[in-house]
PDB file of all heavy atoms in Angstrom:
ATOM      1  N   LYS A   1     -72.684  42.963   3.356  1.00  0.00           N
ATOM      2  CA  LYS A   1     -71.422  42.237   3.241  1.00  0.00           C
ATOM      3  C   LYS A   1     -71.736  40.753   3.354  1.00  0.00           C
ATOM      4  O   LYS A   1     -72.416  40.320   4.282  1.00  0.00           O
ATOM      5  CB  LYS A   1     -70.431  42.626   4.341  1.00  0.00           C
ATOM      6  CG  LYS A   1     -69.118  41.846   4.239  1.00  0.00           C
ATOM      7  CD  LYS A   1     -68.113  42.240   5.307  1.00  0.00           C
ATOM      8  CE  LYS A   1     -66.827  41.445   5.165  1.00  0.00           C
ATOM      9  NZ  LYS A   1     -65.826  41.798   6.215  1.00  0.00           N
ATOM     10  N   ILE A   2     -71.246  39.985   2.392  1.00  0.00           N
ATOM     11  CA  ILE A   2     -71.480  38.552   2.356  1.00  0.00           C
ATOM     12  C   ILE A   2     -70.135  37.858   2.494  1.00  0.00           C
ATOM     13  O   ILE A   2     -69.222  38.088   1.685  1.00  0.00           O
ATOM     14  CB  ILE A   2     -72.171  38.119   1.050  1.00  0.00           C
ATOM     15  CG1 ILE A   2     -73.484  38.893   0.869  1.00  0.00           C
ATOM     16  CG2 ILE A   2     -72.427  36.623   1.054  1.00  0.00           C
ATOM     17  CD1 ILE A   2     -73.358  40.180   0.080  1.00  0.00           C
ATOM     18  N   GLN A   3     -69.994  37.041   3.500  1.00  0.00           N
ATOM     19  CA  GLN A   3     -68.732  36.353   3.780  1.00  0.00           C
ATOM     20  C   GLN A   3     -68.936  34.848   3.615  1.00  0.00           C
ATOM     21  O   GLN A   3     -69.882  34.283   4.169  1.00  0.00           O
ATOM     22  CB  GLN A   3     -68.258  36.643   5.206  1.00  0.00           C
ATOM     23  CG  GLN A   3     -66.859  36.156   5.527  1.00  0.00           C
ATOM     24  CD  GLN A   3     -65.785  37.086   4.990  1.00  0.00           C
ATOM     25  OE1 GLN A   3     -65.948  38.306   5.008  1.00  0.00           O
ATOM     26  NE2 GLN A   3     -64.685  36.518   4.512  1.00  0.00           N
ATOM     27  N   TYR A   4     -68.054  34.208   2.856  1.00  0.00           N
ATOM     28  CA  TYR A   4     -68.134  32.764   2.636  1.00  0.00           C
ATOM     29  C   TYR A   4     -67.092  32.066   3.495  1.00  0.00           C
ATOM     30  O   TYR A   4     -65.906  32.365   3.410  1.00  0.00           O
ATOM     31  CB  TYR A   4     -67.907  32.436   1.158  1.00  0.00           C
ATOM     32  CG  TYR A   4     -68.944  33.065   0.258  1.00  0.00           C
ATOM     33  CD1 TYR A   4     -68.719  34.318  -0.321  1.00  0.00           C
ATOM     34  CD2 TYR A   4     -70.152  32.437   0.002  1.00  0.00           C
ATOM     35  CE1 TYR A   4     -69.670  34.915  -1.134  1.00  0.00           C
ATOM     36  CE2 TYR A   4     -71.114  33.025  -0.806  1.00  0.00           C
ATOM     37  CZ  TYR A   4     -70.870  34.260  -1.370  1.00  0.00           C
ATOM     38  OH  TYR A   4     -71.817  34.853  -2.161  1.00  0.00           O
ATOM     39  N   SER A   5     -67.559  31.127   4.314  1.00  0.00           N
ATOM     40  CA  SER A   5     -66.655  30.454   5.248  1.00  0.00           C
ATOM     41  C   SER A   5     -66.353  29.016   4.857  1.00  0.00           C
ATOM     42  O   SER A   5     -65.384  28.439   5.345  1.00  0.00           O
ATOM     43  CB  SER A   5     -67.258  30.469   6.663  1.00  0.00           C
ATOM     44  OG  SER A   5     -67.476  31.797   7.101  1.00  0.00           O
ATOM     45  N   ALA A   6     -67.175  28.414   4.009  1.00  0.00           N
ATOM     46  CA  ALA A   6     -66.941  27.029   3.607  1.00  0.00           C
ATOM     47  C   ALA A   6     -67.666  26.747   2.302  1.00  0.00           C
ATOM     48  O   ALA A   6     -68.697  27.352   2.000  1.00  0.00           O
ATOM     49  CB  ALA A   6     -67.420  26.061   4.695  1.00  0.00           C
ATOM     50  N   PHE A   7     -67.092  25.807   1.528  1.00  0.00           N
ATOM     51  CA  PHE A   7     -67.662  25.406   0.250  1.00  0.00           C
ATOM     52  C   PHE A   7     -67.735  23.887   0.180  1.00  0.00           C
ATOM     53  O   PHE A   7     -66.956  23.178   0.822  1.00  0.00           O
ATOM     54  CB  PHE A   7     -66.797  25.900  -0.915  1.00  0.00           C
ATOM     55  CG  PHE A   7     -66.812  27.386  -1.119  1.00  0.00           C
ATOM     56  CD1 PHE A   7     -66.026  28.232  -0.339  1.00  0.00           C
ATOM     57  CD2 PHE A   7     -67.603  27.960  -2.100  1.00  0.00           C
ATOM     58  CE1 PHE A   7     -66.025  29.599  -0.528  1.00  0.00           C
ATOM     59  CE2 PHE A   7     -67.617  29.333  -2.305  1.00  0.00           C
ATOM     60  CZ  PHE A   7     -66.829  30.153  -1.516  1.00  0.00           C
ATOM     61  N   PHE A   8     -68.654  23.382  -0.641  1.00  0.00           N
ATOM     62  CA  PHE A   8     -68.651  21.967  -0.964  1.00  0.00           C
ATOM     63  C   PHE A   8     -67.477  21.673  -1.883  1.00  0.00           C
ATOM     64  O   PHE A   8     -67.001  22.558  -2.601  1.00  0.00           O
ATOM     65  CB  PHE A   8     -69.958  21.577  -1.663  1.00  0.00           C
ATOM     66  CG  PHE A   8     -71.149  21.492  -0.751  1.00  0.00           C
ATOM     67  CD1 PHE A   8     -71.976  22.587  -0.572  1.00  0.00           C
ATOM     68  CD2 PHE A   8     -71.428  20.319  -0.066  1.00  0.00           C
ATOM     69  CE1 PHE A   8     -73.076  22.513   0.260  1.00  0.00           C
ATOM     70  CE2 PHE A   8     -72.528  20.243   0.779  1.00  0.00           C
ATOM     71  CZ  PHE A   8     -73.352  21.340   0.946  1.00  0.00           C
ATOM     72  N   PRO A   9     -66.978  20.435  -1.896  1.00  0.00           N
ATOM     73  CA  PRO A   9     -65.867  20.096  -2.789  1.00  0.00           C
ATOM     74  C   PRO A   9     -66.228  20.372  -4.239  1.00  0.00           C
ATOM     75  O   PRO A   9     -67.364  20.175  -4.667  1.00  0.00           O
ATOM     76  CB  PRO A   9     -65.662  18.595  -2.546  1.00  0.00           C
ATOM     77  CG  PRO A   9     -66.225  18.348  -1.187  1.00  0.00           C
ATOM     78  CD  PRO A   9     -67.384  19.285  -1.056  1.00  0.00           C
ATOM     79  N   MET A  10     -65.249  20.819  -5.002  1.00  0.00           N
ATOM     80  CA  MET A  10     -65.465  21.180  -6.398  1.00  0.00           C
ATOM     81  C   MET A  10     -65.415  19.944  -7.284  1.00  0.00           C
ATOM     82  O   MET A  10     -64.591  19.048  -7.087  1.00  0.00           O
ATOM     83  CB  MET A  10     -64.407  22.187  -6.858  1.00  0.00           C
ATOM     84  CG  MET A  10     -64.557  22.662  -8.283  1.00  0.00           C
ATOM     85  SD  MET A  10     -63.433  24.035  -8.674  1.00  0.00           S
ATOM     86  CE  MET A  10     -61.847  23.283  -8.289  1.00  0.00           C
ATOM     87  N   LYS A  11     -66.320  19.904  -8.276  1.00  0.00           N
ATOM     88  CA  LYS A  11     -66.267  18.881  -9.301  1.00  0.00           C
ATOM     89  C   LYS A  11     -65.647  19.475 -10.554  1.00  0.00           C
ATOM     90  O   LYS A  11     -65.693  20.686 -10.780  1.00  0.00           O
ATOM     91  CB  LYS A  11     -67.673  18.355  -9.603  1.00  0.00           C
ATOM     92  CG  LYS A  11     -68.258  17.506  -8.475  1.00  0.00           C
ATOM     93  CD  LYS A  11     -69.531  16.807  -8.917  1.00  0.00           C
ATOM     94  CE  LYS A  11     -70.029  15.851  -7.846  1.00  0.00           C
ATOM     95  NZ  LYS A  11     -71.241  15.109  -8.286  1.00  0.00           N
ATOM     96  N   VAL A  12     -65.072  18.614 -11.398  1.00  0.00           N
ATOM     97  CA  VAL A  12     -64.379  19.072 -12.598  1.00  0.00           C
ATOM     98  C   VAL A  12     -65.337  19.863 -13.481  1.00  0.00           C
ATOM     99  O   VAL A  12     -66.445  19.415 -13.788  1.00  0.00           O
ATOM    100  CB  VAL A  12     -63.806  17.869 -13.378  1.00  0.00           C
ATOM    101  CG1 VAL A  12     -63.172  18.349 -14.682  1.00  0.00           C
ATOM    102  CG2 VAL A  12     -62.796  17.119 -12.529  1.00  0.00           C
ATOM    103  N   GLY A  13     -64.901  21.064 -13.864  1.00  0.00           N
ATOM    104  CA  GLY A  13     -65.697  21.906 -14.740  1.00  0.00           C
ATOM    105  C   GLY A  13     -66.818  22.657 -14.062  1.00  0.00           C
ATOM    106  O   GLY A  13     -67.588  23.359 -14.724  1.00  0.00           O
ATOM    107  N   MET A  14     -66.913  22.527 -12.744  1.00  0.00           N
ATOM    108  CA  MET A  14     -67.994  23.152 -12.000  1.00  0.00           C
ATOM    109  C   MET A  14     -67.449  24.151 -10.990  1.00  0.00           C
ATOM    110  O   MET A  14     -66.309  24.060 -10.548  1.00  0.00           O
ATOM    111  CB  MET A  14     -68.820  22.095 -11.261  1.00  0.00           C
ATOM    112  CG  MET A  14     -69.348  20.981 -12.131  1.00  0.00           C
ATOM    113  SD  MET A  14     -70.540  21.570 -13.346  1.00  0.00           S
ATOM    114  CE  MET A  14     -70.944  20.027 -14.185  1.00  0.00           C
ATOM    115  N   LEU A  15     -68.281  25.108 -10.606  1.00  0.00           N
ATOM    116  CA  LEU A  15     -67.942  26.010  -9.520  1.00  0.00           C
ATOM    117  C   LEU A  15     -68.134  25.317  -8.181  1.00  0.00           C
ATOM    118  O   LEU A  15     -68.953  24.407  -8.051  1.00  0.00           O
ATOM    119  CB  LEU A  15     -68.840  27.257  -9.575  1.00  0.00           C
ATOM    120  CG  LEU A  15     -68.732  28.162 -10.792  1.00  0.00           C
ATOM    121  CD1 LEU A  15     -69.781  29.256 -10.690  1.00  0.00           C
ATOM    122  CD2 LEU A  15     -67.349  28.761 -10.889  1.00  0.00           C
ATOM    123  N   GLU A  16     -67.388  25.768  -7.190  1.00  0.00           N
ATOM    124  CA  GLU A  16     -67.623  25.297  -5.833  1.00  0.00           C
ATOM    125  C   GLU A  16     -68.896  25.947  -5.292  1.00  0.00           C
ATOM    126  O   GLU A  16     -69.023  27.172  -5.306  1.00  0.00           O
ATOM    127  CB  GLU A  16     -66.443  25.643  -4.932  1.00  0.00           C
ATOM    128  CG  GLU A  16     -65.194  24.847  -5.232  1.00  0.00           C
ATOM    129  CD  GLU A  16     -64.041  25.273  -4.337  1.00  0.00           C
ATOM    130  OE1 GLU A  16     -63.543  26.391  -4.528  1.00  0.00           O
ATOM    131  OE2 GLU A  16     -63.638  24.490  -3.464  1.00  0.00           O
ATOM    132  N   LEU A  17     -69.812  25.154  -4.812  1.00  0.00           N
ATOM    133  CA  LEU A  17     -71.049  25.692  -4.269  1.00  0.00           C
ATOM    134  C   LEU A  17     -70.875  26.026  -2.792  1.00  0.00           C
ATOM    135  O   LEU A  17     -70.284  25.245  -2.040  1.00  0.00           O
ATOM    136  CB  LEU A  17     -72.176  24.675  -4.433  1.00  0.00           C
ATOM    137  CG  LEU A  17     -72.579  24.381  -5.882  1.00  0.00           C
ATOM    138  CD1 LEU A  17     -73.655  23.314  -5.924  1.00  0.00           C
ATOM    139  CD2 LEU A  17     -73.053  25.638  -6.570  1.00  0.00           C
ATOM    140  N   PRO A  18     -71.369  27.180  -2.356  1.00  0.00           N
ATOM    141  CA  PRO A  18     -71.202  27.570  -0.947  1.00  0.00           C
ATOM    142  C   PRO A  18     -71.850  26.597   0.022  1.00  0.00           C
ATOM    143  O   PRO A  18     -72.921  26.036  -0.249  1.00  0.00           O
ATOM    144  CB  PRO A  18     -71.888  28.944  -0.896  1.00  0.00           C
ATOM    145  CG  PRO A  18     -71.769  29.471  -2.288  1.00  0.00           C
ATOM    146  CD  PRO A  18     -71.944  28.266  -3.159  1.00  0.00           C
ATOM    147  N   LYS A  19     -71.196  26.412   1.142  1.00  0.00           N
ATOM    148  CA  LYS A  19     -71.708  25.606   2.245  1.00  0.00           C
ATOM    149  C   LYS A  19     -72.162  26.493   3.399  1.00  0.00           C
ATOM    150  O   LYS A  19     -73.199  26.252   4.008  1.00  0.00           O
ATOM    151  CB  LYS A  19     -70.605  24.650   2.720  1.00  0.00           C
ATOM    152  CG  LYS A  19     -70.881  23.911   4.023  1.00  0.00           C
ATOM    153  CD  LYS A  19     -71.869  22.795   3.841  1.00  0.00           C
ATOM    154  CE  LYS A  19     -72.010  21.988   5.123  1.00  0.00           C
ATOM    155  NZ  LYS A  19     -73.029  20.928   5.020  1.00  0.00           N
ATOM    156  N   LEU A  20     -71.372  27.522   3.704  1.00  0.00           N
ATOM    157  CA  LEU A  20     -71.687  28.423   4.816  1.00  0.00           C
ATOM    158  C   LEU A  20     -71.426  29.853   4.388  1.00  0.00           C
ATOM    159  O   LEU A  20     -70.335  30.189   3.929  1.00  0.00           O
ATOM    160  CB  LEU A  20     -70.820  28.085   6.037  1.00  0.00           C
ATOM    161  CG  LEU A  20     -70.943  29.010   7.250  1.00  0.00           C
ATOM    162  CD1 LEU A  20     -72.367  29.027   7.787  1.00  0.00           C
ATOM    163  CD2 LEU A  20     -69.970  28.592   8.340  1.00  0.00           C
ATOM    164  N   LEU A  21     -72.451  30.711   4.512  1.00  0.00           N
ATOM    165  CA  LEU A  21     -72.288  32.131   4.224  1.00  0.00           C
ATOM    166  C   LEU A  21     -72.981  32.949   5.297  1.00  0.00           C
ATOM    167  O   LEU A  21     -73.964  32.509   5.901  1.00  0.00           O
ATOM    168  CB  LEU A  21     -72.820  32.495   2.850  1.00  0.00           C
ATOM    169  CG  LEU A  21     -74.285  32.238   2.532  1.00  0.00           C
ATOM    170  CD1 LEU A  21     -74.784  33.233   1.472  1.00  0.00           C
ATOM    171  CD2 LEU A  21     -74.470  30.825   1.988  1.00  0.00           C
ATOM    172  N   GLU A  22     -72.423  34.140   5.544  1.00  0.00           N
ATOM    173  CA  GLU A  22     -72.976  35.063   6.533  1.00  0.00           C
ATOM    174  C   GLU A  22     -73.174  36.421   5.882  1.00  0.00           C
ATOM    175  O   GLU A  22     -72.287  36.932   5.216  1.00  0.00           O
ATOM    176  CB  GLU A  22     -72.044  35.174   7.733  1.00  0.00           C
ATOM    177  CG  GLU A  22     -71.841  33.854   8.473  1.00  0.00           C
ATOM    178  CD  GLU A  22     -70.942  34.003   9.684  1.00  0.00           C
ATOM    179  OE1 GLU A  22     -71.217  34.894  10.512  1.00  0.00           O
ATOM    180  OE2 GLU A  22     -69.963  33.247   9.778  1.00  0.00           O
ATOM    181  N   LEU A  23     -74.354  36.987   6.093  1.00  0.00           N
ATOM    182  CA  LEU A  23     -74.700  38.307   5.576  1.00  0.00           C
ATOM    183  C   LEU A  23     -74.797  39.276   6.742  1.00  0.00           C
ATOM    184  O   LEU A  23     -75.316  38.925   7.803  1.00  0.00           O
ATOM    185  CB  LEU A  23     -76.046  38.275   4.851  1.00  0.00           C
ATOM    186  CG  LEU A  23     -76.170  37.590   3.501  1.00  0.00           C
ATOM    187  CD1 LEU A  23     -76.022  36.080   3.615  1.00  0.00           C
ATOM    188  CD2 LEU A  23     -77.524  37.919   2.873  1.00  0.00           C
ATOM    189  N   SER A  24     -74.332  40.484   6.544  1.00  0.00           N
ATOM    190  CA  SER A  24     -74.448  41.496   7.598  1.00  0.00           C
ATOM    191  C   SER A  24     -74.742  42.855   6.970  1.00  0.00           C
ATOM    192  O   SER A  24     -74.230  43.193   5.899  1.00  0.00           O
ATOM    193  CB  SER A  24     -73.174  41.561   8.440  1.00  0.00           C
ATOM    194  OG  SER A  24     -72.045  41.874   7.644  1.00  0.00           O
ATOM    195  N   ARG A  25     -75.572  43.612   7.666  1.00  0.00           N
ATOM    196  CA  ARG A  25     -75.899  44.982   7.273  1.00  0.00           C
ATOM    197  C   ARG A  25     -76.389  45.713   8.509  1.00  0.00           C
ATOM    198  O   ARG A  25     -77.366  45.297   9.128  1.00  0.00           O
ATOM    199  CB  ARG A  25     -76.966  45.009   6.187  1.00  0.00           C
ATOM    200  CG  ARG A  25     -77.356  46.410   5.744  1.00  0.00           C
ATOM    201  CD  ARG A  25     -78.341  46.371   4.597  1.00  0.00           C
ATOM    202  NE  ARG A  25     -78.727  47.707   4.178  1.00  0.00           N
ATOM    203  CZ  ARG A  25     -79.511  47.981   3.146  1.00  0.00           C
ATOM    204  NH1 ARG A  25     -79.982  46.986   2.401  1.00  0.00           N
ATOM    205  NH2 ARG A  25     -79.823  49.229   2.852  1.00  0.00           N
ATOM    206  N   ASP A  26     -75.691  46.762   8.887  1.00  0.00           N
ATOM    207  CA  ASP A  26     -75.999  47.490  10.121  1.00  0.00           C
ATOM    208  C   ASP A  26     -75.992  46.496  11.284  1.00  0.00           C
ATOM    209  O   ASP A  26     -74.992  45.819  11.496  1.00  0.00           O
ATOM    210  CB  ASP A  26     -77.329  48.229   9.991  1.00  0.00           C
ATOM    211  CG  ASP A  26     -77.317  49.247   8.855  1.00  0.00           C
ATOM    212  OD1 ASP A  26     -76.249  49.830   8.605  1.00  0.00           O
ATOM    213  OD2 ASP A  26     -78.367  49.445   8.209  1.00  0.00           O
ATOM    214  N   ASN A  27     -77.108  46.369  12.002  1.00  0.00           N
ATOM    215  CA  ASN A  27     -77.159  45.463  13.154  1.00  0.00           C
ATOM    216  C   ASN A  27     -77.776  44.106  12.827  1.00  0.00           C
ATOM    217  O   ASN A  27     -78.016  43.301  13.737  1.00  0.00           O
ATOM    218  CB  ASN A  27     -77.962  46.115  14.290  1.00  0.00           C
ATOM    219  CG  ASN A  27     -77.271  47.346  14.839  1.00  0.00           C
ATOM    220  OD1 ASN A  27     -76.066  47.340  15.073  1.00  0.00           O
ATOM    221  ND2 ASN A  27     -78.028  48.417  15.036  1.00  0.00           N
ATOM    222  N   LEU A  28     -78.015  43.853  11.565  1.00  0.00           N
ATOM    223  CA  LEU A  28     -78.644  42.595  11.163  1.00  0.00           C
ATOM    224  C   LEU A  28     -77.598  41.608  10.674  1.00  0.00           C
ATOM    225  O   LEU A  28     -76.755  41.944   9.841  1.00  0.00           O
ATOM    226  CB  LEU A  28     -79.665  42.864  10.053  1.00  0.00           C
ATOM    227  CG  LEU A  28     -80.350  41.652   9.419  1.00  0.00           C
ATOM    228  CD1 LEU A  28     -81.144  40.870  10.467  1.00  0.00           C
ATOM    229  CD2 LEU A  28     -81.247  42.089   8.274  1.00  0.00           C
ATOM    230  N   LYS A  29     -77.666  40.394  11.190  1.00  0.00           N
ATOM    231  CA  LYS A  29     -76.765  39.323  10.751  1.00  0.00           C
ATOM    232  C   LYS A  29     -77.609  38.104  10.387  1.00  0.00           C
ATOM    233  O   LYS A  29     -78.471  37.680  11.155  1.00  0.00           O
ATOM    234  CB  LYS A  29     -75.758  38.964  11.847  1.00  0.00           C
ATOM    235  CG  LYS A  29     -74.811  40.110  12.206  1.00  0.00           C
ATOM    236  CD  LYS A  29     -73.770  39.667  13.208  1.00  0.00           C
ATOM    237  CE  LYS A  29     -72.861  40.830  13.622  1.00  0.00           C
ATOM    238  NZ  LYS A  29     -72.145  41.390  12.466  1.00  0.00           N
ATOM    239  N   ILE A  30     -77.338  37.554   9.215  1.00  0.00           N
ATOM    240  CA  ILE A  30     -78.038  36.374   8.727  1.00  0.00           C
ATOM    241  C   ILE A  30     -76.999  35.308   8.401  1.00  0.00           C
ATOM    242  O   ILE A  30     -76.012  35.584   7.717  1.00  0.00           O
ATOM    243  CB  ILE A  30     -78.864  36.697   7.471  1.00  0.00           C
ATOM    244  CG1 ILE A  30     -79.937  37.747   7.782  1.00  0.00           C
ATOM    245  CG2 ILE A  30     -79.497  35.432   6.896  1.00  0.00           C
ATOM    246  CD1 ILE A  30     -80.703  38.218   6.558  1.00  0.00           C
ATOM    247  N   LYS A  31     -77.226  34.102   8.884  1.00  0.00           N
ATOM    248  CA  LYS A  31     -76.315  32.992   8.604  1.00  0.00           C
ATOM    249  C   LYS A  31     -77.085  31.868   7.919  1.00  0.00           C
ATOM    250  O   LYS A  31     -78.189  31.515   8.337  1.00  0.00           O
ATOM    251  CB  LYS A  31     -75.678  32.475   9.888  1.00  0.00           C
ATOM    252  CG  LYS A  31     -74.714  31.297   9.668  1.00  0.00           C
ATOM    253  CD  LYS A  31     -74.117  30.801  10.977  1.00  0.00           C
ATOM    254  CE  LYS A  31     -73.162  31.799  11.569  1.00  0.00           C
ATOM    255  NZ  LYS A  31     -72.440  31.250  12.765  1.00  0.00           N
ATOM    256  N   LEU A  32     -76.489  31.314   6.873  1.00  0.00           N
ATOM    257  CA  LEU A  32     -77.093  30.203   6.155  1.00  0.00           C
ATOM    258  C   LEU A  32     -76.082  29.080   6.014  1.00  0.00           C
ATOM    259  O   LEU A  32     -75.038  29.251   5.383  1.00  0.00           O
ATOM    260  CB  LEU A  32     -77.584  30.660   4.774  1.00  0.00           C
ATOM    261  CG  LEU A  32     -78.166  29.585   3.850  1.00  0.00           C
ATOM    262  CD1 LEU A  32     -79.340  28.872   4.512  1.00  0.00           C
ATOM    263  CD2 LEU A  32     -78.592  30.203   2.523  1.00  0.00           C
ATOM    264  N   MET A  33     -76.403  27.946   6.616  1.00  0.00           N
ATOM    265  CA  MET A  33     -75.601  26.731   6.484  1.00  0.00           C
ATOM    266  C   MET A  33     -76.360  25.780   5.574  1.00  0.00           C
ATOM    267  O   MET A  33     -77.448  25.315   5.911  1.00  0.00           O
ATOM    268  CB  MET A  33     -75.372  26.081   7.853  1.00  0.00           C
ATOM    269  CG  MET A  33     -74.743  24.699   7.785  1.00  0.00           C
ATOM    270  SD  MET A  33     -72.993  24.723   7.324  1.00  0.00           S
ATOM    271  CE  MET A  33     -72.258  25.160   8.915  1.00  0.00           C
ATOM    272  N   ILE A  34     -75.791  25.516   4.407  1.00  0.00           N
ATOM    273  CA  ILE A  34     -76.460  24.675   3.414  1.00  0.00           C
ATOM    274  C   ILE A  34     -76.028  23.228   3.612  1.00  0.00           C
ATOM    275  O   ILE A  34     -74.840  22.912   3.572  1.00  0.00           O
ATOM    276  CB  ILE A  34     -76.135  25.156   1.994  1.00  0.00           C
ATOM    277  CG1 ILE A  34     -76.583  26.611   1.813  1.00  0.00           C
ATOM    278  CG2 ILE A  34     -76.803  24.258   0.949  1.00  0.00           C
ATOM    279  CD1 ILE A  34     -76.087  27.264   0.538  1.00  0.00           C
ATOM    280  N   ASP A  35     -77.004  22.363   3.840  1.00  0.00           N
ATOM    281  CA  ASP A  35     -76.704  20.948   4.028  1.00  0.00           C
ATOM    282  C   ASP A  35     -76.624  20.198   2.707  1.00  0.00           C
ATOM    283  O   ASP A  35     -75.829  19.271   2.551  1.00  0.00           O
ATOM    284  CB  ASP A  35     -77.770  20.298   4.914  1.00  0.00           C
ATOM    285  CG  ASP A  35     -77.722  20.835   6.338  1.00  0.00           C
ATOM    286  OD1 ASP A  35     -76.604  21.024   6.856  1.00  0.00           O
ATOM    287  OD2 ASP A  35     -78.789  21.066   6.931  1.00  0.00           O
ATOM    288  N   ARG A  36     -77.444  20.592   1.750  1.00  0.00           N
ATOM    289  CA  ARG A  36     -77.357  19.958   0.436  1.00  0.00           C
ATOM    290  C   ARG A  36     -78.020  20.826  -0.629  1.00  0.00           C
ATOM    291  O   ARG A  36     -78.940  21.588  -0.362  1.00  0.00           O
ATOM    292  CB  ARG A  36     -77.971  18.559   0.434  1.00  0.00           C
ATOM    293  CG  ARG A  36     -79.422  18.471   0.850  1.00  0.00           C
ATOM    294  CD  ARG A  36     -79.827  17.001   0.984  1.00  0.00           C
ATOM    295  NE  ARG A  36     -81.233  16.840   1.293  1.00  0.00           N
ATOM    296  CZ  ARG A  36     -81.747  16.840   2.514  1.00  0.00           C
ATOM    297  NH1 ARG A  36     -80.954  17.024   3.554  1.00  0.00           N
ATOM    298  NH2 ARG A  36     -83.045  16.673   2.703  1.00  0.00           N
ATOM    299  N   TRP A  37     -77.484  20.695  -1.836  1.00  0.00           N
ATOM    300  CA  TRP A  37     -78.019  21.325  -3.034  1.00  0.00           C
ATOM    301  C   TRP A  37     -78.732  20.262  -3.852  1.00  0.00           C
ATOM    302  O   TRP A  37     -78.229  19.150  -4.018  1.00  0.00           O
ATOM    303  CB  TRP A  37     -76.901  21.915  -3.883  1.00  0.00           C
ATOM    304  CG  TRP A  37     -76.274  23.151  -3.334  1.00  0.00           C
ATOM    305  CD1 TRP A  37     -75.183  23.226  -2.501  1.00  0.00           C
ATOM    306  CD2 TRP A  37     -76.659  24.505  -3.598  1.00  0.00           C
ATOM    307  NE1 TRP A  37     -74.886  24.541  -2.234  1.00  0.00           N
ATOM    308  CE2 TRP A  37     -75.766  25.343  -2.891  1.00  0.00           C
ATOM    309  CE3 TRP A  37     -77.666  25.086  -4.373  1.00  0.00           C
ATOM    310  CZ2 TRP A  37     -75.858  26.733  -2.940  1.00  0.00           C
ATOM    311  CZ3 TRP A  37     -77.763  26.465  -4.423  1.00  0.00           C
ATOM    312  CH2 TRP A  37     -76.868  27.276  -3.708  1.00  0.00           C
ATOM    313  N   LEU A  38     -79.888  20.620  -4.427  1.00  0.00           N
ATOM    314  CA  LEU A  38     -80.659  19.694  -5.234  1.00  0.00           C
ATOM    315  C   LEU A  38     -81.031  20.357  -6.554  1.00  0.00           C
ATOM    316  O   LEU A  38     -81.199  21.575  -6.628  1.00  0.00           O
ATOM    317  CB  LEU A  38     -81.954  19.292  -4.509  1.00  0.00           C
ATOM    318  CG  LEU A  38     -81.836  18.867  -3.039  1.00  0.00           C
ATOM    319  CD1 LEU A  38     -83.221  18.723  -2.431  1.00  0.00           C
ATOM    320  CD2 LEU A  38     -81.081  17.572  -2.914  1.00  0.00           C
ATOM    321  N   ASP A  39     -81.183  19.560  -7.598  1.00  0.00           N
ATOM    322  CA  ASP A  39     -81.711  20.030  -8.880  1.00  0.00           C
ATOM    323  C   ASP A  39     -81.029  21.316  -9.335  1.00  0.00           C
ATOM    324  O   ASP A  39     -81.668  22.330  -9.614  1.00  0.00           O
ATOM    325  CB  ASP A  39     -83.228  20.249  -8.762  1.00  0.00           C
ATOM    326  CG  ASP A  39     -83.881  20.523 -10.113  1.00  0.00           C
ATOM    327  OD1 ASP A  39     -83.464  19.899 -11.099  1.00  0.00           O
ATOM    328  OD2 ASP A  39     -84.793  21.366 -10.167  1.00  0.00           O
ATOM    329  N   VAL A  40     -79.717  21.295  -9.424  1.00  0.00           N
ATOM    330  CA  VAL A  40     -78.940  22.494  -9.766  1.00  0.00           C
ATOM    331  C   VAL A  40     -78.862  22.649 -11.278  1.00  0.00           C
ATOM    332  O   VAL A  40     -78.557  21.700 -12.002  1.00  0.00           O
ATOM    333  CB  VAL A  40     -77.524  22.403  -9.163  1.00  0.00           C
ATOM    334  CG1 VAL A  40     -76.696  23.607  -9.569  1.00  0.00           C
ATOM    335  CG2 VAL A  40     -77.614  22.288  -7.653  1.00  0.00           C
ATOM    336  N   GLY A  41     -79.131  23.874 -11.774  1.00  0.00           N
ATOM    337  CA  GLY A  41     -79.098  24.153 -13.210  1.00  0.00           C
ATOM    338  C   GLY A  41     -77.687  24.351 -13.733  1.00  0.00           C
ATOM    339  O   GLY A  41     -76.691  24.121 -13.038  1.00  0.00           O
ATOM    340  N   ASP A  42     -77.583  24.829 -14.967  1.00  0.00           N
ATOM    341  CA  ASP A  42     -76.281  24.953 -15.634  1.00  0.00           C
ATOM    342  C   ASP A  42     -75.443  26.117 -15.128  1.00  0.00           C
ATOM    343  O   ASP A  42     -74.290  26.261 -15.520  1.00  0.00           O
ATOM    344  CB  ASP A  42     -76.490  25.135 -17.144  1.00  0.00           C
ATOM    345  CG  ASP A  42     -76.975  23.855 -17.816  1.00  0.00           C
ATOM    346  OD1 ASP A  42     -76.806  22.780 -17.212  1.00  0.00           O
ATOM    347  OD2 ASP A  42     -77.530  23.947 -18.925  1.00  0.00           O
TER     348      ASP A  42
END
């Protein structure tokens, strides 16, 4: 299960890129807080 808690502001014509997501499976929990995106493709 992947839960999105925050996104970076959206630019025109672009998707909102995730800022904070949490993954869970059984007893495992993984959290990723993204500070910045670089060199993003199309």
